[in-house]
N, C-alpha and C. Protein backbone atom coordinates (compact mmCIF):
# COMPACT_ATOMS: atom_id res chain seq x y z
N UNK A 1 0.77 -1.28 -0.16
CA UNK A 1 -0.07 0.16 -0.09
C UNK A 1 0.96 1.15 0.05
N UNK A 2 0.64 2.27 -0.73
CA UNK A 2 1.56 3.27 -0.75
C UNK A 2 1.28 4.36 0.46
N UNK A 3 2.31 5.07 0.81
CA UNK A 3 2.23 5.62 1.98
C UNK A 3 0.70 6.76 1.77
N UNK A 4 0.21 7.36 0.74
CA UNK A 4 -0.53 8.10 0.82
C UNK A 4 -2.17 7.40 1.21
N UNK A 5 -2.09 5.87 0.62
CA UNK A 5 -3.55 5.31 0.67
C UNK A 5 -3.40 4.53 2.23
N UNK A 6 -2.22 4.63 2.68
CA UNK A 6 -2.08 4.34 4.05
C UNK A 6 -2.62 5.27 5.09
N UNK A 7 -2.44 6.52 4.57
CA UNK A 7 -3.19 7.73 5.44
C UNK A 7 -4.61 7.60 5.15
N UNK A 8 -4.89 7.52 4.00
CA UNK A 8 -6.43 7.65 3.56
C UNK A 8 -7.02 6.39 4.61
N UNK A 9 -6.32 5.40 4.37
CA UNK A 9 -6.98 4.40 5.08
C UNK A 9 -7.31 4.59 6.78
N UNK A 10 -5.95 5.03 7.35
CA UNK A 10 -6.11 5.61 8.82
C UNK A 10 -7.65 6.77 8.81
N UNK A 11 -7.60 7.41 8.10
CA UNK A 11 -8.57 8.54 8.08
C UNK A 11 -9.92 7.95 7.95
N UNK A 12 -9.86 7.02 7.11
CA UNK A 12 -11.23 5.95 6.77
C UNK A 12 -11.39 5.22 8.17
N UNK A 13 -10.50 4.76 8.92
CA UNK A 13 -10.86 4.12 10.00
C UNK A 13 -11.38 4.89 11.16
N UNK A 14 -10.62 5.89 11.09
CA UNK A 14 -10.74 6.65 12.52
C UNK A 14 -12.10 7.52 12.29
N UNK A 15 -12.48 8.22 11.04
CA UNK A 15 -13.52 8.72 10.97
C UNK A 15 -15.03 7.76 11.07
N UNK A 16 -14.82 6.74 10.42
CA UNK A 16 -15.84 5.41 10.73
C UNK A 16 -16.38 5.00 12.16
N UNK A 17 -15.30 4.89 12.74
CA UNK A 17 -15.26 4.37 14.28
C UNK A 17 -15.57 5.61 15.25
N UNK A 18 -15.08 6.77 14.67
CA UNK A 18 -16.02 7.88 15.51
C UNK A 18 -17.33 8.20 15.44
N UNK A 19 -17.66 7.87 13.98
CA UNK A 19 -19.28 8.04 13.73
C UNK A 19 -19.62 6.84 14.60
N UNK A 20 -19.45 5.74 14.27
CA UNK A 20 -20.07 4.79 15.18
C UNK A 20 -20.31 4.97 16.71
N UNK A 21 -19.46 5.57 17.19
CA UNK A 21 -19.32 5.89 18.43
C UNK A 21 -20.53 7.15 18.81
N UNK A 22 -20.33 8.02 17.92
CA UNK A 22 -21.35 9.16 17.97
C UNK A 22 -22.99 8.82 17.67
N UNK A 23 -23.11 7.74 16.82
CA UNK A 23 -24.49 7.44 16.49
C UNK A 23 -24.93 6.46 17.51
N UNK A 24 -24.48 5.58 18.25
CA UNK A 24 -24.63 4.85 19.62
C UNK A 24 -24.99 5.79 20.41
N UNK A 25 -24.15 6.77 20.91
CA UNK A 25 -24.25 7.46 21.81
C UNK A 25 -25.72 8.60 21.49
N UNK A 26 -26.02 9.14 20.39
CA UNK A 26 -27.23 9.32 19.85
C UNK A 26 -28.14 8.88 20.10
N UNK A 27 -27.95 7.44 19.67
CA UNK A 27 -29.33 6.31 19.57
C UNK A 27 -29.83 6.07 21.20
N UNK A 28 -28.95 5.66 22.01
CA UNK A 28 -29.03 5.60 23.35
C UNK A 28 -29.25 6.67 24.37
N UNK A 29 -28.27 7.65 24.30
CA UNK A 29 -28.64 8.65 25.55
C UNK A 29 -29.16 9.93 24.81
N UNK A 30 -28.62 10.48 24.06
CA UNK A 30 -28.91 11.69 23.39
C UNK A 30 -30.33 12.05 22.91
N UNK A 31 -30.68 11.03 22.02
CA UNK A 31 -32.43 11.50 21.30
C UNK A 31 -33.14 10.98 22.39
N UNK A 32 -33.19 9.97 23.24
CA UNK A 32 -34.20 9.53 24.26
C UNK A 32 -34.23 10.62 25.18
N UNK A 33 -33.26 11.37 25.54
CA UNK A 33 -33.36 12.56 26.64
C UNK A 33 -33.66 13.94 26.37
N UNK A 34 -34.48 13.84 24.76
CA UNK A 34 -34.94 15.29 24.37
C UNK A 34 -36.04 15.42 25.14
N UNK A 35 -36.70 14.43 25.51
CA UNK A 35 -38.31 14.80 26.28
C UNK A 35 -37.80 14.94 27.62
N UNK A 36 -36.48 15.12 28.21
CA UNK A 36 -36.41 15.45 29.76
C UNK A 36 -35.91 16.99 29.41
N UNK A 37 -35.63 17.36 28.27
CA UNK A 37 -35.27 18.99 28.37
C UNK A 37 -36.20 19.95 29.08
N UNK A 38 -37.40 19.60 28.64
CA UNK A 38 -38.74 20.78 29.18
C UNK A 38 -39.04 21.82 27.90
N UNK A 39 -40.38 21.78 27.96
CA UNK A 39 -40.75 22.60 26.68
C UNK A 39 -40.24 24.07 26.67
N UNK A 40 -40.27 24.77 27.83
CA UNK A 40 -39.90 26.11 27.77
C UNK A 40 -38.53 26.48 27.10
N UNK A 41 -37.35 25.33 27.49
CA UNK A 41 -36.16 25.79 26.78
C UNK A 41 -35.92 24.81 25.76
N UNK A 42 -36.77 23.93 25.23
CA UNK A 42 -36.57 22.86 24.12
C UNK A 42 -36.17 23.39 23.00
N UNK A 43 -36.81 24.72 22.41
CA UNK A 43 -36.42 25.10 21.43
C UNK A 43 -34.93 25.72 21.13
N UNK A 44 -34.78 26.47 22.03
CA UNK A 44 -33.50 26.70 22.03
C UNK A 44 -32.01 25.89 22.28
N UNK A 45 -32.75 25.08 23.00
CA UNK A 45 -31.72 23.82 23.11
C UNK A 45 -31.48 23.02 21.88
N UNK A 46 -32.69 22.78 21.28
CA UNK A 46 -32.50 22.03 19.91
C UNK A 46 -31.78 22.94 18.84
N UNK A 47 -31.95 24.16 18.83
CA UNK A 47 -31.09 24.85 17.90
C UNK A 47 -29.74 24.87 18.39
N UNK A 48 -29.64 25.22 19.48
CA UNK A 48 -28.02 25.10 19.90
C UNK A 48 -27.31 23.56 19.58
N UNK A 49 -28.04 22.46 19.65
CA UNK A 49 -27.72 21.51 19.48
C UNK A 49 -27.37 21.26 17.95
N UNK A 50 -28.38 21.45 17.25
CA UNK A 50 -27.92 21.38 15.58
C UNK A 50 -26.87 22.13 15.19
N UNK A 51 -26.88 23.37 15.60
CA UNK A 51 -25.68 24.13 15.39
C UNK A 51 -24.15 23.37 15.87
N UNK A 52 -24.26 23.00 16.99
CA UNK A 52 -23.13 22.32 17.50
C UNK A 52 -22.53 21.12 16.98
N UNK A 53 -23.68 20.29 16.67
CA UNK A 53 -23.62 18.88 16.12
C UNK A 53 -23.13 19.01 14.57
N UNK A 54 -23.48 20.03 14.11
CA UNK A 54 -22.56 20.17 12.60
C UNK A 54 -21.26 20.43 12.67
N UNK A 55 -20.64 20.64 13.51
CA UNK A 55 -19.22 21.11 13.51
C UNK A 55 -18.72 19.74 14.02
N UNK A 56 -19.14 18.76 14.37
CA UNK A 56 -18.60 17.29 14.99
C UNK A 56 -18.80 16.63 13.65
N UNK A 57 -20.06 16.57 13.18
CA UNK A 57 -20.60 15.15 12.34
C UNK A 57 -20.24 15.35 10.86
N UNK A 58 -20.28 16.69 10.57
CA UNK A 58 -20.14 17.09 9.13
C UNK A 58 -18.74 16.77 8.43
N UNK A 59 -17.72 17.28 9.55
CA UNK A 59 -16.35 16.89 8.99
C UNK A 59 -16.16 15.42 8.93
N UNK A 60 -16.60 14.88 9.93
CA UNK A 60 -16.32 13.11 9.71
C UNK A 60 -16.97 12.65 8.92
N UNK A 61 -18.24 12.99 8.21
CA UNK A 61 -18.89 12.35 7.57
C UNK A 61 -18.40 12.66 6.15
N UNK A 62 -17.92 13.88 5.99
CA UNK A 62 -16.90 14.12 4.77
C UNK A 62 -15.67 13.20 4.62
N UNK A 63 -15.02 13.33 5.72
CA UNK A 63 -14.06 12.63 5.65
C UNK A 63 -14.40 10.95 5.11
N UNK A 64 -15.19 10.39 5.85
CA UNK A 64 -15.85 8.86 5.73
C UNK A 64 -16.10 9.02 3.71
N UNK A 65 -16.73 10.07 3.48
CA UNK A 65 -17.26 9.82 1.98
C UNK A 65 -16.16 9.70 1.29
N UNK A 66 -15.38 11.01 1.26
CA UNK A 66 -14.32 11.07 0.51
C UNK A 66 -13.04 9.84 0.64
N UNK A 67 -12.68 9.32 1.61
CA UNK A 67 -11.83 8.24 1.61
C UNK A 67 -12.63 6.90 1.39
N UNK A 68 -13.65 6.67 1.74
CA UNK A 68 -14.54 5.87 0.83
C UNK A 68 -14.32 5.61 -0.53
N UNK A 69 -14.72 6.65 -1.09
CA UNK A 69 -14.49 6.99 -2.72
C UNK A 69 -13.28 6.60 -3.30
N UNK A 70 -12.03 7.12 -2.47
CA UNK A 70 -10.61 6.67 -2.76
C UNK A 70 -10.40 5.05 -2.64
N UNK A 71 -10.73 4.69 -1.33
CA UNK A 71 -10.77 3.38 -1.36
C UNK A 71 -11.29 2.34 -2.20
N UNK A 72 -12.68 2.71 -2.99
CA UNK A 72 -13.16 1.99 -4.05
C UNK A 72 -12.33 2.16 -5.26
N UNK A 73 -12.25 3.05 -5.39
CA UNK A 73 -11.09 3.61 -6.81
C UNK A 73 -9.84 2.97 -6.46
N UNK A 74 -9.09 3.02 -5.66
CA UNK A 74 -7.89 2.31 -5.55
C UNK A 74 -7.74 1.39 -4.26
N UNK A 75 -8.35 0.27 -4.46
CA UNK A 75 -8.46 -0.53 -3.16
C UNK A 75 -7.12 -1.16 -3.01
N UNK A 76 -6.76 -1.02 -1.81
CA UNK A 76 -5.10 -1.55 -1.24
C UNK A 76 -5.19 -3.06 -1.30
N UNK A 77 -3.91 -3.58 -1.57
CA UNK A 77 -3.88 -4.98 -1.45
C UNK A 77 -4.33 -5.48 -0.12
N UNK A 78 -4.88 -6.62 -0.24
CA UNK A 78 -5.58 -7.40 1.01
C UNK A 78 -6.89 -6.78 1.63
N UNK A 79 -7.55 -5.82 0.82
CA UNK A 79 -8.78 -5.26 0.93
C UNK A 79 -9.77 -5.98 -0.13
N UNK A 80 -10.94 -6.31 0.29
CA UNK A 80 -11.81 -7.09 -0.70
C UNK A 80 -12.52 -5.93 -1.43
N UNK A 81 -12.78 -5.68 -2.59
CA UNK A 81 -13.78 -4.97 -3.37
C UNK A 81 -15.04 -4.80 -2.41
N UNK A 82 -15.36 -6.11 -2.30
CA UNK A 82 -16.75 -6.41 -1.45
C UNK A 82 -17.07 -5.52 -0.37
N UNK A 83 -15.86 -5.28 0.41
CA UNK A 83 -15.72 -4.29 1.55
C UNK A 83 -15.75 -2.99 1.46
N UNK A 84 -15.17 -2.79 0.61
CA UNK A 84 -15.13 -1.27 0.06
C UNK A 84 -16.31 -0.63 -0.37
N UNK A 85 -16.80 -1.52 -1.34
CA UNK A 85 -18.23 -1.51 -2.18
C UNK A 85 -19.53 -1.47 -0.98
N UNK A 86 -19.40 -2.59 -0.12
CA UNK A 86 -20.42 -2.24 0.93
C UNK A 86 -20.49 -1.18 1.67
N UNK A 87 -19.24 -0.78 2.05
CA UNK A 87 -19.05 0.36 3.01
C UNK A 87 -19.83 1.71 2.35
N UNK A 88 -19.39 1.79 1.05
CA UNK A 88 -19.76 2.73 0.12
C UNK A 88 -21.25 2.80 0.18
N UNK A 89 -21.98 1.92 0.05
CA UNK A 89 -23.47 1.57 0.08
C UNK A 89 -23.92 2.18 1.26
N UNK A 90 -23.51 1.62 2.28
CA UNK A 90 -23.79 1.81 3.60
C UNK A 90 -23.80 3.17 3.89
N UNK A 91 -22.64 3.84 3.48
CA UNK A 91 -22.55 5.21 3.46
C UNK A 91 -23.80 6.13 2.82
N UNK A 92 -23.99 5.66 1.52
CA UNK A 92 -25.30 6.16 0.91
C UNK A 92 -26.57 5.92 1.52
N UNK A 93 -26.91 4.88 2.31
CA UNK A 93 -27.95 4.69 3.44
C UNK A 93 -28.17 5.77 4.40
N UNK A 94 -26.98 5.87 5.04
CA UNK A 94 -26.83 6.70 6.03
C UNK A 94 -27.14 8.35 5.52
N UNK A 95 -26.44 8.69 4.62
CA UNK A 95 -26.71 10.06 3.80
C UNK A 95 -28.36 9.83 3.51
N UNK A 96 -28.73 9.01 2.78
CA UNK A 96 -30.15 9.06 2.44
C UNK A 96 -31.15 9.16 3.60
N UNK A 97 -30.59 8.22 4.60
CA UNK A 97 -31.76 8.23 5.70
C UNK A 97 -31.49 9.73 6.53
N UNK A 98 -30.09 10.24 6.80
CA UNK A 98 -30.12 11.71 7.47
C UNK A 98 -30.94 12.39 6.66
N UNK A 99 -31.11 12.67 5.34
CA UNK A 99 -31.43 13.85 4.70
C UNK A 99 -33.08 13.44 4.52
N UNK A 100 -33.58 12.07 4.31
CA UNK A 100 -34.98 12.16 4.72
C UNK A 100 -35.68 11.81 5.51
N UNK A 101 -35.05 11.71 6.68
CA UNK A 101 -35.76 11.01 7.90
C UNK A 101 -35.26 11.97 9.13
N UNK A 102 -34.13 12.06 9.30
CA UNK A 102 -33.56 12.73 10.54
C UNK A 102 -33.59 14.00 10.15
N UNK A 103 -33.27 15.00 9.45
CA UNK A 103 -33.09 16.24 9.26
C UNK A 103 -34.57 16.81 9.50
N UNK A 104 -35.56 16.47 8.53
CA UNK A 104 -37.03 16.81 8.72
C UNK A 104 -37.33 16.75 10.50
N UNK A 105 -36.95 15.66 10.74
CA UNK A 105 -37.76 15.48 12.09
C UNK A 105 -36.99 16.52 13.13
N UNK A 106 -35.58 16.67 12.95
CA UNK A 106 -34.77 17.70 13.81
C UNK A 106 -35.32 18.98 13.40
N UNK A 107 -35.87 19.43 12.26
CA UNK A 107 -36.24 20.69 12.06
C UNK A 107 -37.43 20.97 12.29
N UNK A 108 -38.57 19.82 12.38
CA UNK A 108 -39.60 19.85 13.32
C UNK A 108 -39.59 20.48 14.66
N UNK A 109 -38.47 19.59 15.27
CA UNK A 109 -38.18 19.73 16.77
C UNK A 109 -37.59 21.06 17.08
N UNK A 110 -37.14 21.73 16.30
CA UNK A 110 -36.56 23.23 16.25
C UNK A 110 -37.62 24.12 16.51
N UNK A 111 -38.70 23.67 16.12
CA UNK A 111 -39.87 24.60 16.42
C UNK A 111 -40.71 24.54 17.58
N UNK A 112 -40.15 23.40 18.30
CA UNK A 112 -40.92 23.09 19.68
C UNK A 112 -40.75 21.61 19.87
N UNK A 113 -40.85 21.05 20.86
CA UNK A 113 -40.69 19.66 21.56
C UNK A 113 -42.09 19.10 21.31
N UNK A 114 -42.27 17.73 20.33
CA UNK A 114 -43.33 17.32 20.06
C UNK A 114 -42.98 15.53 20.34
N UNK A 115 -43.70 14.85 20.95
CA UNK A 115 -43.45 13.74 21.53
C UNK A 115 -43.48 12.46 20.05
N UNK A 116 -44.21 12.83 19.28
CA UNK A 116 -44.46 11.87 18.18
C UNK A 116 -43.13 12.43 17.15
N UNK A 117 -42.61 13.23 16.88
CA UNK A 117 -41.63 13.36 16.34
C UNK A 117 -40.19 13.24 16.84
N UNK A 118 -40.41 13.18 18.37
CA UNK A 118 -39.19 12.56 18.93
C UNK A 118 -39.23 10.89 18.48
N UNK A 119 -40.22 10.45 18.81
CA UNK A 119 -40.18 9.02 18.80
C UNK A 119 -39.84 8.50 17.21
N UNK A 120 -40.31 9.29 16.17
CA UNK A 120 -40.06 9.13 14.97
C UNK A 120 -38.44 8.79 14.64
N UNK A 121 -38.01 10.25 15.39
CA UNK A 121 -36.26 10.37 15.18
C UNK A 121 -35.91 8.97 16.01
N UNK A 122 -36.19 9.00 16.81
CA UNK A 122 -35.45 7.72 17.60
C UNK A 122 -35.86 6.77 16.88
N UNK A 123 -36.67 5.91 16.54
CA UNK A 123 -37.04 4.62 15.62
C UNK A 123 -36.44 4.68 14.54
N UNK A 124 -36.43 5.99 13.68
CA UNK A 124 -35.73 6.18 12.39
C UNK A 124 -34.12 6.05 12.51
N UNK A 125 -33.91 6.47 13.62
CA UNK A 125 -32.31 6.56 13.62
C UNK A 125 -32.01 5.27 13.63
N UNK A 126 -32.71 4.24 14.00
CA UNK A 126 -31.85 2.89 13.87
C UNK A 126 -31.40 2.29 12.87
N UNK A 127 -31.79 3.04 11.68
CA UNK A 127 -31.31 2.58 9.92
C UNK A 127 -30.05 3.14 10.36
N UNK A 128 -29.77 4.30 10.91
CA UNK A 128 -28.07 4.98 10.70
C UNK A 128 -27.26 4.07 11.52
N UNK A 129 -27.96 3.61 12.67
CA UNK A 129 -27.22 3.01 13.83
C UNK A 129 -26.91 1.43 13.36
N UNK A 130 -27.36 0.87 12.81
CA UNK A 130 -27.27 -0.31 12.11
C UNK A 130 -26.56 -0.44 11.05
N UNK A 131 -26.47 0.73 10.09
CA UNK A 131 -25.81 0.89 9.15
C UNK A 131 -24.27 1.25 9.61
N UNK A 132 -23.96 1.73 10.58
CA UNK A 132 -22.42 2.67 10.87
C UNK A 132 -22.06 1.50 11.80
N UNK A 133 -22.89 0.63 12.56
CA UNK A 133 -22.36 -0.69 13.14
C UNK A 133 -21.93 -1.82 12.36
N UNK A 134 -22.43 -1.88 10.97
CA UNK A 134 -22.08 -2.78 10.33
C UNK A 134 -20.64 -2.21 9.62
N UNK A 135 -20.62 -0.90 9.01
CA UNK A 135 -19.67 -0.13 8.73
C UNK A 135 -18.42 -0.57 9.72
N UNK A 136 -18.61 -0.46 11.04
CA UNK A 136 -17.68 -0.57 12.20
C UNK A 136 -17.07 -1.82 11.84
N UNK A 137 -17.83 -2.77 11.82
CA UNK A 137 -17.58 -4.14 11.56
C UNK A 137 -16.51 -4.33 10.69
N UNK A 138 -16.96 -4.13 9.13
CA UNK A 138 -16.38 -4.32 8.09
C UNK A 138 -14.87 -3.70 8.31
N UNK A 139 -14.82 -2.19 8.58
CA UNK A 139 -13.68 -1.48 9.07
C UNK A 139 -12.67 -2.41 9.60
N UNK A 140 -12.99 -3.07 10.90
CA UNK A 140 -12.34 -3.94 11.63
C UNK A 140 -12.07 -4.94 10.92
N UNK A 141 -12.89 -5.51 10.18
CA UNK A 141 -12.10 -6.58 9.35
C UNK A 141 -11.29 -6.38 8.47
N UNK A 142 -11.11 -5.07 7.70
CA UNK A 142 -10.40 -4.68 6.95
C UNK A 142 -9.24 -4.53 7.38
N UNK A 143 -9.10 -3.81 9.04
CA UNK A 143 -8.15 -3.38 9.64
C UNK A 143 -7.32 -4.54 9.91
N UNK A 144 -8.21 -5.76 10.27
CA UNK A 144 -7.66 -7.00 10.68
C UNK A 144 -6.57 -7.88 9.39
N UNK A 145 -7.33 -7.46 8.22
CA UNK A 145 -6.81 -8.35 7.08
C UNK A 145 -5.46 -7.53 6.63
N UNK A 146 -5.29 -6.34 6.92
CA UNK A 146 -4.24 -5.51 6.85
C UNK A 146 -2.78 -5.64 7.66
N UNK A 147 -3.45 -5.89 8.95
CA UNK A 147 -2.28 -6.11 10.29
C UNK A 147 -1.90 -7.32 10.00
N UNK A 148 -2.57 -8.47 9.53
CA UNK A 148 -2.31 -9.62 9.62
C UNK A 148 -1.49 -10.51 8.11
N UNK A 149 -1.42 -9.52 7.26
CA UNK A 149 -1.19 -9.94 6.01
C UNK A 149 0.44 -9.95 5.86
């Protein structure tokens, strides 16, 4: 593997596992606790939450996407094309879910807390949680293959 592709792979592993941790935190802790904020301060809380989350999540997702594309384009020896393509497809699923399901729910919640909207956010977020979990496992498999080659 070239030096550049090694760094691409490290960035890929790091961004994927960071998002794996973030999505599980959001699924188990963050989103369910929205109902505990209280209606008086919820709009301000949600708007601040969205503003701050973007600075953490968007850069990681961009690194994930860019490095995934590079790994599909120039798959390193020891990595199977099915691993890179499956991860790229799963990235697509997480982006589609984010754009079509989670972002609209967050926008609705920015106008005030609604228990039904929160429930849809939590339940629909399982799509991303499962996709990132599978991706985390595949990345572990890829890393193992490279370290034991």
